[in-house]
Amino acid sequence: MGCFRKKKTLKEGGEYEDAALLNALKDLVSLIDTHQDELHSLLPALVAVDAVAEARTLQSRFLQLMDDTMKAIEAAWPPYICPYLIIGPLREIV
């Protein structure tokens, strides 16, 4: 149990830094996915009440967040591990 907890602790230079970073990114992607579902309903509602500028800003910032997250994933994911070669769900690697 202690090793599992250590793998989730993000400490720079720590033994499990890579695993903790991937786990933190996984949590972030999950949160973004949840908010994306909410935006799917929210953006048309904002437009319906003539809040087009706010909807546009929200969509633009969300797209920037997704872009930044993809860059973080590309920087953190080990280049020698191809995701399609991993057996089982990716959540099990950390």
PDB file of N, CA and C in Angstrom:
ATOM      1  N   MET A   1       0.832  -1.188   0.000  1.00  0.00           N
ATOM      2  CA  MET A   1       0.000   0.000   0.000  1.00  0.00           C
ATOM      3  C   MET A   1       0.873   1.246   0.000  1.00  0.00           C
ATOM      4  N   GLY A   2       1.989   1.240   0.712  1.00  0.00           N
ATOM      5  CA  GLY A   2       2.868   2.395   0.774  1.00  0.00           C
ATOM      6  C   GLY A   2       3.469   2.741  -0.574  1.00  0.00           C
ATOM      7  N   CYS A   3       3.824   1.737  -1.354  1.00  0.00           N
ATOM      8  CA  CYS A   3       4.401   1.958  -2.681  1.00  0.00           C
ATOM      9  C   CYS A   3       3.380   2.611  -3.602  1.00  0.00           C
ATOM     10  N   PHE A   4       2.115   2.189  -3.511  1.00  0.00           N
ATOM     11  CA  PHE A   4       1.059   2.775  -4.341  1.00  0.00           C
ATOM     12  C   PHE A   4       0.897   4.257  -4.018  1.00  0.00           C
ATOM     13  N   ARG A   5       0.925   4.600  -2.738  1.00  0.00           N
ATOM     14  CA  ARG A   5       0.793   5.994  -2.321  1.00  0.00           C
ATOM     15  C   ARG A   5       1.992   6.808  -2.801  1.00  0.00           C
ATOM     16  N   LYS A   6       3.176   6.230  -2.750  1.00  0.00           N
ATOM     17  CA  LYS A   6       4.373   6.932  -3.211  1.00  0.00           C
ATOM     18  C   LYS A   6       4.308   7.206  -4.705  1.00  0.00           C
ATOM     19  N   LYS A   7       3.719   6.295  -5.463  1.00  0.00           N
ATOM     20  CA  LYS A   7       3.611   6.486  -6.911  1.00  0.00           C
ATOM     21  C   LYS A   7       2.680   7.638  -7.260  1.00  0.00           C
ATOM     22  N   LYS A   8       1.792   8.006  -6.350  1.00  0.00           N
ATOM     23  CA  LYS A   8       0.862   9.101  -6.599  1.00  0.00           C
ATOM     24  C   LYS A   8       1.389  10.430  -6.067  1.00  0.00           C
ATOM     25  N   THR A   9       2.484  10.427  -5.308  1.00  0.00           N
ATOM     26  CA  THR A   9       3.035  11.648  -4.743  1.00  0.00           C
ATOM     27  C   THR A   9       3.988  12.275  -5.744  1.00  0.00           C
ATOM     28  N   LEU A  10       3.635  13.466  -6.206  1.00  0.00           N
ATOM     29  CA  LEU A  10       4.447  14.158  -7.209  1.00  0.00           C
ATOM     30  C   LEU A  10       5.525  14.963  -6.495  1.00  0.00           C
ATOM     31  N   LYS A  11       6.735  14.437  -6.510  1.00  0.00           N
ATOM     32  CA  LYS A  11       7.868  15.084  -5.859  1.00  0.00           C
ATOM     33  C   LYS A  11       9.011  15.125  -6.865  1.00  0.00           C
ATOM     34  N   GLU A  12       9.458  16.345  -7.178  1.00  0.00           N
ATOM     35  CA  GLU A  12      10.512  16.494  -8.176  1.00  0.00           C
ATOM     36  C   GLU A  12      11.763  15.741  -7.744  1.00  0.00           C
ATOM     37  N   GLY A  13      12.263  14.923  -8.650  1.00  0.00           N
ATOM     38  CA  GLY A  13      13.460  14.144  -8.379  1.00  0.00           C
ATOM     39  C   GLY A  13      13.193  12.868  -7.610  1.00  0.00           C
ATOM     40  N   GLY A  14      11.942  12.633  -7.248  1.00  0.00           N
ATOM     41  CA  GLY A  14      11.593  11.440  -6.495  1.00  0.00           C
ATOM     42  C   GLY A  14      11.667  10.188  -7.355  1.00  0.00           C
ATOM     43  N   GLU A  15      11.707   9.057  -6.688  1.00  0.00           N
ATOM     44  CA  GLU A  15      11.829   7.768  -7.365  1.00  0.00           C
ATOM     45  C   GLU A  15      10.656   7.510  -8.314  1.00  0.00           C
ATOM     46  N   TYR A  16       9.481   7.967  -7.931  1.00  0.00           N
ATOM     47  CA  TYR A  16       8.280   7.711  -8.727  1.00  0.00           C
ATOM     48  C   TYR A  16       7.771   8.977  -9.416  1.00  0.00           C
ATOM     49  N   GLU A  17       8.658   9.917  -9.684  1.00  0.00           N
ATOM     50  CA  GLU A  17       8.250  11.189 -10.290  1.00  0.00           C
ATOM     51  C   GLU A  17       7.516  10.974 -11.613  1.00  0.00           C
ATOM     52  N   ASP A  18       8.026  10.109 -12.467  1.00  0.00           N
ATOM     53  CA  ASP A  18       7.401   9.871 -13.772  1.00  0.00           C
ATOM     54  C   ASP A  18       5.985   9.322 -13.624  1.00  0.00           C
ATOM     55  N   ALA A  19       5.832   8.330 -12.759  1.00  0.00           N
ATOM     56  CA  ALA A  19       4.514   7.728 -12.558  1.00  0.00           C
ATOM     57  C   ALA A  19       3.542   8.737 -11.954  1.00  0.00           C
ATOM     58  N   ALA A  20       4.010   9.534 -11.004  1.00  0.00           N
ATOM     59  CA  ALA A  20       3.145  10.535 -10.378  1.00  0.00           C
ATOM     60  C   ALA A  20       2.734  11.606 -11.379  1.00  0.00           C
ATOM     61  N   LEU A  21       3.647  12.000 -12.247  1.00  0.00           N
ATOM     62  CA  LEU A  21       3.337  13.001 -13.261  1.00  0.00           C
ATOM     63  C   LEU A  21       2.288  12.471 -14.241  1.00  0.00           C
ATOM     64  N   LEU A  22       2.457  11.243 -14.685  1.00  0.00           N
ATOM     65  CA  LEU A  22       1.466  10.645 -15.585  1.00  0.00           C
ATOM     66  C   LEU A  22       0.112  10.510 -14.894  1.00  0.00           C
ATOM     67  N   ASN A  23       0.128  10.181 -13.613  1.00  0.00           N
ATOM     68  CA  ASN A  23      -1.121  10.058 -12.865  1.00  0.00           C
ATOM     69  C   ASN A  23      -1.809  11.416 -12.731  1.00  0.00           C
ATOM     70  N   ALA A  24      -1.032  12.467 -12.455  1.00  0.00           N
ATOM     71  CA  ALA A  24      -1.601  13.816 -12.353  1.00  0.00           C
ATOM     72  C   ALA A  24      -2.186  14.253 -13.691  1.00  0.00           C
ATOM     73  N   LEU A  25      -1.507  13.938 -14.777  1.00  0.00           N
ATOM     74  CA  LEU A  25      -2.024  14.270 -16.103  1.00  0.00           C
ATOM     75  C   LEU A  25      -3.305  13.497 -16.404  1.00  0.00           C
ATOM     76  N   LYS A  26      -3.354  12.249 -15.971  1.00  0.00           N
ATOM     77  CA  LYS A  26      -4.563  11.438 -16.166  1.00  0.00           C
ATOM     78  C   LYS A  26      -5.742  12.073 -15.436  1.00  0.00           C
ATOM     79  N   ASP A  27      -5.503  12.530 -14.203  1.00  0.00           N
ATOM     80  CA  ASP A  27      -6.563  13.189 -13.444  1.00  0.00           C
ATOM     81  C   ASP A  27      -7.002  14.481 -14.123  1.00  0.00           C
ATOM     82  N   LEU A  28      -6.046  15.234 -14.652  1.00  0.00           N
ATOM     83  CA  LEU A  28      -6.355  16.481 -15.343  1.00  0.00           C
ATOM     84  C   LEU A  28      -7.187  16.225 -16.597  1.00  0.00           C
ATOM     85  N   VAL A  29      -6.806  15.224 -17.368  1.00  0.00           N
ATOM     86  CA  VAL A  29      -7.550  14.894 -18.587  1.00  0.00           C
ATOM     87  C   VAL A  29      -8.971  14.457 -18.238  1.00  0.00           C
ATOM     88  N   SER A  30      -9.125  13.708 -17.171  1.00  0.00           N
ATOM     89  CA  SER A  30     -10.453  13.283 -16.737  1.00  0.00           C
ATOM     90  C   SER A  30     -11.310  14.487 -16.353  1.00  0.00           C
ATOM     91  N   LEU A  31     -10.719  15.437 -15.645  1.00  0.00           N
ATOM     92  CA  LEU A  31     -11.436  16.649 -15.251  1.00  0.00           C
ATOM     93  C   LEU A  31     -11.812  17.486 -16.474  1.00  0.00           C
ATOM     94  N   ILE A  32     -10.895  17.612 -17.408  1.00  0.00           N
ATOM     95  CA  ILE A  32     -11.170  18.360 -18.638  1.00  0.00           C
ATOM     96  C   ILE A  32     -12.301  17.698 -19.414  1.00  0.00           C
ATOM     97  N   ASP A  33     -12.303  16.389 -19.463  1.00  0.00           N
ATOM     98  CA  ASP A  33     -13.359  15.661 -20.168  1.00  0.00           C
ATOM     99  C   ASP A  33     -14.727  15.946 -19.550  1.00  0.00           C
ATOM    100  N   THR A  34     -14.784  15.982 -18.225  1.00  0.00           N
ATOM    101  CA  THR A  34     -16.032  16.300 -17.534  1.00  0.00           C
ATOM    102  C   THR A  34     -16.502  17.706 -17.886  1.00  0.00           C
ATOM    103  N   HIS A  35     -15.578  18.660 -17.864  1.00  0.00           N
ATOM    104  CA  HIS A  35     -15.943  20.043 -18.179  1.00  0.00           C
ATOM    105  C   HIS A  35     -16.321  20.205 -19.651  1.00  0.00           C
ATOM    106  N   GLN A  36     -15.722  19.413 -20.507  1.00  0.00           N
ATOM    107  CA  GLN A  36     -16.070  19.490 -21.925  1.00  0.00           C
ATOM    108  C   GLN A  36     -17.533  19.083 -22.127  1.00  0.00           C
ATOM    109  N   ASP A  37     -17.969  18.076 -21.405  1.00  0.00           N
ATOM    110  CA  ASP A  37     -19.373  17.667 -21.479  1.00  0.00           C
ATOM    111  C   ASP A  37     -20.295  18.796 -21.011  1.00  0.00           C
ATOM    112  N   GLU A  38     -19.884  19.510 -19.957  1.00  0.00           N
ATOM    113  CA  GLU A  38     -20.680  20.629 -19.457  1.00  0.00           C
ATOM    114  C   GLU A  38     -20.719  21.767 -20.477  1.00  0.00           C
ATOM    115  N   LEU A  39     -19.592  22.030 -21.121  1.00  0.00           N
ATOM    116  CA  LEU A  39     -19.536  23.102 -22.114  1.00  0.00           C
ATOM    117  C   LEU A  39     -20.434  22.808 -23.309  1.00  0.00           C
ATOM    118  N   HIS A  40     -20.595  21.551 -23.608  1.00  0.00           N
ATOM    119  CA  HIS A  40     -21.456  21.153 -24.725  1.00  0.00           C
ATOM    120  C   HIS A  40     -22.874  21.704 -24.540  1.00  0.00           C
ATOM    121  N   SER A  41     -23.332  21.760 -23.307  1.00  0.00           N
ATOM    122  CA  SER A  41     -24.657  22.314 -23.011  1.00  0.00           C
ATOM    123  C   SER A  41     -24.603  23.814 -22.739  1.00  0.00           C
ATOM    124  N   LEU A  42     -23.532  24.259 -22.108  1.00  0.00           N
ATOM    125  CA  LEU A  42     -23.443  25.658 -21.685  1.00  0.00           C
ATOM    126  C   LEU A  42     -23.280  26.630 -22.845  1.00  0.00           C
ATOM    127  N   LEU A  43     -22.450  26.309 -23.813  1.00  0.00           N
ATOM    128  CA  LEU A  43     -22.183  27.253 -24.901  1.00  0.00           C
ATOM    129  C   LEU A  43     -23.443  27.623 -25.688  1.00  0.00           C
ATOM    130  N   PRO A  44     -24.270  26.666 -26.105  1.00  0.00           N
ATOM    131  CA  PRO A  44     -25.505  27.062 -26.797  1.00  0.00           C
ATOM    132  C   PRO A  44     -26.441  27.888 -25.903  1.00  0.00           C
ATOM    133  N   ALA A  45     -26.444  27.589 -24.604  1.00  0.00           N
ATOM    134  CA  ALA A  45     -27.290  28.355 -23.685  1.00  0.00           C
ATOM    135  C   ALA A  45     -26.806  29.801 -23.591  1.00  0.00           C
ATOM    136  N   LEU A  46     -25.498  30.006 -23.556  1.00  0.00           N
ATOM    137  CA  LEU A  46     -24.956  31.368 -23.529  1.00  0.00           C
ATOM    138  C   LEU A  46     -25.330  32.125 -24.797  1.00  0.00           C
ATOM    139  N   VAL A  47     -25.230  31.464 -25.925  1.00  0.00           N
ATOM    140  CA  VAL A  47     -25.594  32.105 -27.193  1.00  0.00           C
ATOM    141  C   VAL A  47     -27.087  32.439 -27.202  1.00  0.00           C
ATOM    142  N   ALA A  48     -27.906  31.560 -26.648  1.00  0.00           N
ATOM    143  CA  ALA A  48     -29.359  31.777 -26.625  1.00  0.00           C
ATOM    144  C   ALA A  48     -29.753  33.008 -25.820  1.00  0.00           C
ATOM    145  N   VAL A  49     -28.950  33.349 -24.798  1.00  0.00           N
ATOM    146  CA  VAL A  49     -29.255  34.538 -23.985  1.00  0.00           C
ATOM    147  C   VAL A  49     -28.404  35.731 -24.418  1.00  0.00           C
ATOM    148  N   ASP A  50     -27.906  35.662 -25.642  1.00  0.00           N
ATOM    149  CA  ASP A  50     -27.143  36.752 -26.260  1.00  0.00           C
ATOM    150  C   ASP A  50     -25.831  37.066 -25.528  1.00  0.00           C
ATOM    151  N   ALA A  51     -25.214  36.033 -24.965  1.00  0.00           N
ATOM    152  CA  ALA A  51     -23.900  36.175 -24.334  1.00  0.00           C
ATOM    153  C   ALA A  51     -22.854  35.552 -25.262  1.00  0.00           C
ATOM    154  N   VAL A  52     -22.871  35.992 -26.509  1.00  0.00           N
ATOM    155  CA  VAL A  52     -22.004  35.419 -27.536  1.00  0.00           C
ATOM    156  C   VAL A  52     -20.533  35.674 -27.226  1.00  0.00           C
ATOM    157  N   ALA A  53     -20.206  36.880 -26.785  1.00  0.00           N
ATOM    158  CA  ALA A  53     -18.805  37.204 -26.476  1.00  0.00           C
ATOM    159  C   ALA A  53     -18.279  36.311 -25.355  1.00  0.00           C
ATOM    160  N   GLU A  54     -19.099  36.097 -24.336  1.00  0.00           N
ATOM    161  CA  GLU A  54     -18.690  35.238 -23.220  1.00  0.00           C
ATOM    162  C   GLU A  54     -18.520  33.792 -23.684  1.00  0.00           C
ATOM    163  N   ALA A  55     -19.430  33.331 -24.532  1.00  0.00           N
ATOM    164  CA  ALA A  55     -19.333  31.967 -25.062  1.00  0.00           C
ATOM    165  C   ALA A  55     -18.071  31.806 -25.895  1.00  0.00           C
ATOM    166  N   ARG A  56     -17.783  32.805 -26.709  1.00  0.00           N
ATOM    167  CA  ARG A  56     -16.585  32.761 -27.554  1.00  0.00           C
ATOM    168  C   ARG A  56     -15.315  32.732 -26.688  1.00  0.00           C
ATOM    169  N   THR A  57     -15.274  33.582 -25.659  1.00  0.00           N
ATOM    170  CA  THR A  57     -14.115  33.619 -24.762  1.00  0.00           C
ATOM    171  C   THR A  57     -13.949  32.291 -24.030  1.00  0.00           C
ATOM    172  N   LEU A  58     -15.047  31.767 -23.521  1.00  0.00           N
ATOM    173  CA  LEU A  58     -15.001  30.491 -22.803  1.00  0.00           C
ATOM    174  C   LEU A  58     -14.506  29.369 -23.704  1.00  0.00           C
ATOM    175  N   GLN A  59     -15.029  29.319 -24.919  1.00  0.00           N
ATOM    176  CA  GLN A  59     -14.611  28.280 -25.854  1.00  0.00           C
ATOM    177  C   GLN A  59     -13.135  28.438 -26.214  1.00  0.00           C
ATOM    178  N   SER A  60     -12.697  29.655 -26.437  1.00  0.00           N
ATOM    179  CA  SER A  60     -11.301  29.911 -26.790  1.00  0.00           C
ATOM    180  C   SER A  60     -10.359  29.502 -25.663  1.00  0.00           C
ATOM    181  N   ARG A  61     -10.706  29.861 -24.443  1.00  0.00           N
ATOM    182  CA  ARG A  61      -9.852  29.500 -23.294  1.00  0.00           C
ATOM    183  C   ARG A  61      -9.840  27.995 -23.051  1.00  0.00           C
ATOM    184  N   PHE A  62     -10.975  27.362 -23.271  1.00  0.00           N
ATOM    185  CA  PHE A  62     -11.026  25.917 -23.091  1.00  0.00           C
ATOM    186  C   PHE A  62     -10.179  25.206 -24.144  1.00  0.00           C
ATOM    187  N   LEU A  63     -10.238  25.687 -25.376  1.00  0.00           N
ATOM    188  CA  LEU A  63      -9.402  25.109 -26.432  1.00  0.00           C
ATOM    189  C   LEU A  63      -7.921  25.297 -26.120  1.00  0.00           C
ATOM    190  N   GLN A  64      -7.561  26.452 -25.546  1.00  0.00           N
ATOM    191  CA  GLN A  64      -6.170  26.688 -25.153  1.00  0.00           C
ATOM    192  C   GLN A  64      -5.757  25.728 -24.039  1.00  0.00           C
ATOM    193  N   LEU A  65      -6.660  25.490 -23.082  1.00  0.00           N
ATOM    194  CA  LEU A  65      -6.391  24.533 -22.009  1.00  0.00           C
ATOM    195  C   LEU A  65      -6.151  23.138 -22.575  1.00  0.00           C
ATOM    196  N   MET A  66      -6.982  22.730 -23.523  1.00  0.00           N
ATOM    197  CA  MET A  66      -6.807  21.415 -24.139  1.00  0.00           C
ATOM    198  C   MET A  66      -5.481  21.334 -24.893  1.00  0.00           C
ATOM    199  N   ASP A  67      -5.125  22.394 -25.594  1.00  0.00           N
ATOM    200  CA  ASP A  67      -3.864  22.429 -26.330  1.00  0.00           C
ATOM    201  C   ASP A  67      -2.673  22.353 -25.372  1.00  0.00           C
ATOM    202  N   ASP A  68      -2.719  23.124 -24.296  1.00  0.00           N
ATOM    203  CA  ASP A  68      -1.639  23.098 -23.301  1.00  0.00           C
ATOM    204  C   ASP A  68      -1.523  21.724 -22.647  1.00  0.00           C
ATOM    205  N   THR A  69      -2.659  21.094 -22.399  1.00  0.00           N
ATOM    206  CA  THR A  69      -2.650  19.761 -21.790  1.00  0.00           C
ATOM    207  C   THR A  69      -2.028  18.738 -22.732  1.00  0.00           C
ATOM    208  N   MET A  70      -2.355  18.817 -24.012  1.00  0.00           N
ATOM    209  CA  MET A  70      -1.754  17.895 -24.984  1.00  0.00           C
ATOM    210  C   MET A  70      -0.238  18.085 -25.051  1.00  0.00           C
ATOM    211  N   LYS A  71       0.223  19.323 -24.976  1.00  0.00           N
ATOM    212  CA  LYS A  71       1.663  19.582 -24.973  1.00  0.00           C
ATOM    213  C   LYS A  71       2.312  18.999 -23.723  1.00  0.00           C
ATOM    214  N   ALA A  72       1.633  19.105 -22.580  1.00  0.00           N
ATOM    215  CA  ALA A  72       2.165  18.541 -21.336  1.00  0.00           C
ATOM    216  C   ALA A  72       2.238  17.023 -21.421  1.00  0.00           C
ATOM    217  N   ILE A  73       1.232  16.417 -22.024  1.00  0.00           N
ATOM    218  CA  ILE A  73       1.236  14.958 -22.180  1.00  0.00           C
ATOM    219  C   ILE A  73       2.390  14.534 -23.081  1.00  0.00           C
ATOM    220  N   GLU A  74       2.572  15.247 -24.191  1.00  0.00           N
ATOM    221  CA  GLU A  74       3.671  14.917 -25.105  1.00  0.00           C
ATOM    222  C   GLU A  74       5.026  15.073 -24.423  1.00  0.00           C
ATOM    223  N   ALA A  75       5.148  16.063 -23.541  1.00  0.00           N
ATOM    224  CA  ALA A  75       6.418  16.283 -22.842  1.00  0.00           C
ATOM    225  C   ALA A  75       6.655  15.237 -21.757  1.00  0.00           C
ATOM    226  N   ALA A  76       5.586  14.759 -21.121  1.00  0.00           N
ATOM    227  CA  ALA A  76       5.735  13.848 -19.986  1.00  0.00           C
ATOM    228  C   ALA A  76       5.736  12.383 -20.382  1.00  0.00           C
ATOM    229  N   TRP A  77       5.054  12.033 -21.470  1.00  0.00           N
ATOM    230  CA  TRP A  77       4.945  10.627 -21.854  1.00  0.00           C
ATOM    231  C   TRP A  77       6.289  10.137 -22.367  1.00  0.00           C
ATOM    232  N   PRO A  78       6.797   9.051 -21.826  1.00  0.00           N
ATOM    233  CA  PRO A  78       8.087   8.526 -22.281  1.00  0.00           C
ATOM    234  C   PRO A  78       8.033   8.169 -23.769  1.00  0.00           C
ATOM    235  N   PRO A  79       8.949   8.698 -24.571  1.00  0.00           N
ATOM    236  CA  PRO A  79       8.897   8.469 -26.018  1.00  0.00           C
ATOM    237  C   PRO A  79       9.123   7.010 -26.406  1.00  0.00           C
ATOM    238  N   TYR A  80       9.712   6.225 -25.530  1.00  0.00           N
ATOM    239  CA  TYR A  80       9.989   4.833 -25.852  1.00  0.00           C
ATOM    240  C   TYR A  80       8.798   3.913 -25.550  1.00  0.00           C
ATOM    241  N   ILE A  81       7.720   4.454 -24.984  1.00  0.00           N
ATOM    242  CA  ILE A  81       6.535   3.647 -24.700  1.00  0.00           C
ATOM    243  C   ILE A  81       5.434   4.054 -25.665  1.00  0.00           C
ATOM    244  N   CYS A  82       5.036   3.126 -26.510  1.00  0.00           N
ATOM    245  CA  CYS A  82       3.930   3.376 -27.435  1.00  0.00           C
ATOM    246  C   CYS A  82       2.636   2.962 -26.735  1.00  0.00           C
ATOM    247  N   PRO A  83       1.680   3.887 -26.589  1.00  0.00           N
ATOM    248  CA  PRO A  83       0.448   3.555 -25.863  1.00  0.00           C
ATOM    249  C   PRO A  83      -0.279   2.335 -26.415  1.00  0.00           C
ATOM    250  N   TYR A  84      -0.221   2.119 -27.721  1.00  0.00           N
ATOM    251  CA  TYR A  84      -0.946   0.984 -28.293  1.00  0.00           C
ATOM    252  C   TYR A  84      -0.289  -0.355 -27.955  1.00  0.00           C
ATOM    253  N   LEU A  85       0.919  -0.340 -27.422  1.00  0.00           N
ATOM    254  CA  LEU A  85       1.586  -1.582 -27.032  1.00  0.00           C
ATOM    255  C   LEU A  85       1.293  -1.974 -25.582  1.00  0.00           C
ATOM    256  N   ILE A  86       0.674  -1.074 -24.825  1.00  0.00           N
ATOM    257  CA  ILE A  86       0.388  -1.351 -23.419  1.00  0.00           C
ATOM    258  C   ILE A  86      -0.877  -2.195 -23.333  1.00  0.00           C
ATOM    259  N   ILE A  87      -0.760  -3.304 -22.648  1.00  0.00           N
ATOM    260  CA  ILE A  87      -1.898  -4.203 -22.478  1.00  0.00           C
ATOM    261  C   ILE A  87      -2.722  -3.710 -21.298  1.00  0.00           C
ATOM    262  N   GLY A  88      -4.014  -3.620 -21.486  1.00  0.00           N
ATOM    263  CA  GLY A  88      -4.900  -3.187 -20.406  1.00  0.00           C
ATOM    264  C   GLY A  88      -5.093  -1.684 -20.412  1.00  0.00           C
ATOM    265  N   PRO A  89      -5.930  -1.199 -19.496  1.00  0.00           N
ATOM    266  CA  PRO A  89      -6.212   0.234 -19.452  1.00  0.00           C
ATOM    267  C   PRO A  89      -4.993   1.033 -18.995  1.00  0.00           C
ATOM    268  N   LEU A  90      -4.834   2.220 -19.563  1.00  0.00           N
ATOM    269  CA  LEU A  90      -3.691   3.059 -19.211  1.00  0.00           C
ATOM    270  C   LEU A  90      -3.707   3.450 -17.744  1.00  0.00           C
ATOM    271  N   ARG A  91      -4.888   3.489 -17.118  1.00  0.00           N
ATOM    272  CA  ARG A  91      -4.945   3.892 -15.715  1.00  0.00           C
ATOM    273  C   ARG A  91      -4.210   2.904 -14.809  1.00  0.00           C
ATOM    274  N   GLU A  92      -3.949   1.715 -15.301  1.00  0.00           N
ATOM    275  CA  GLU A  92      -3.288   0.703 -14.496  1.00  0.00           C
ATOM    276  C   GLU A  92      -1.770   0.857 -14.465  1.00  0.00           C
ATOM    277  N   ILE A  93      -1.207   1.741 -15.282  1.00  0.00           N
ATOM    278  CA  ILE A  93       0.252   1.836 -15.306  1.00  0.00           C
ATOM    279  C   ILE A  93       0.794   2.623 -14.136  1.00  0.00           C
ATOM    280  N   VAL A  94      -0.062   3.378 -13.462  1.00  0.00           N
ATOM    281  CA  VAL A  94       0.422   4.168 -12.320  1.00  0.00           C
ATOM    282  C   VAL A  94      -0.280   3.772 -11.060  1.00  0.00           C
TER     283      VAL A  94
END
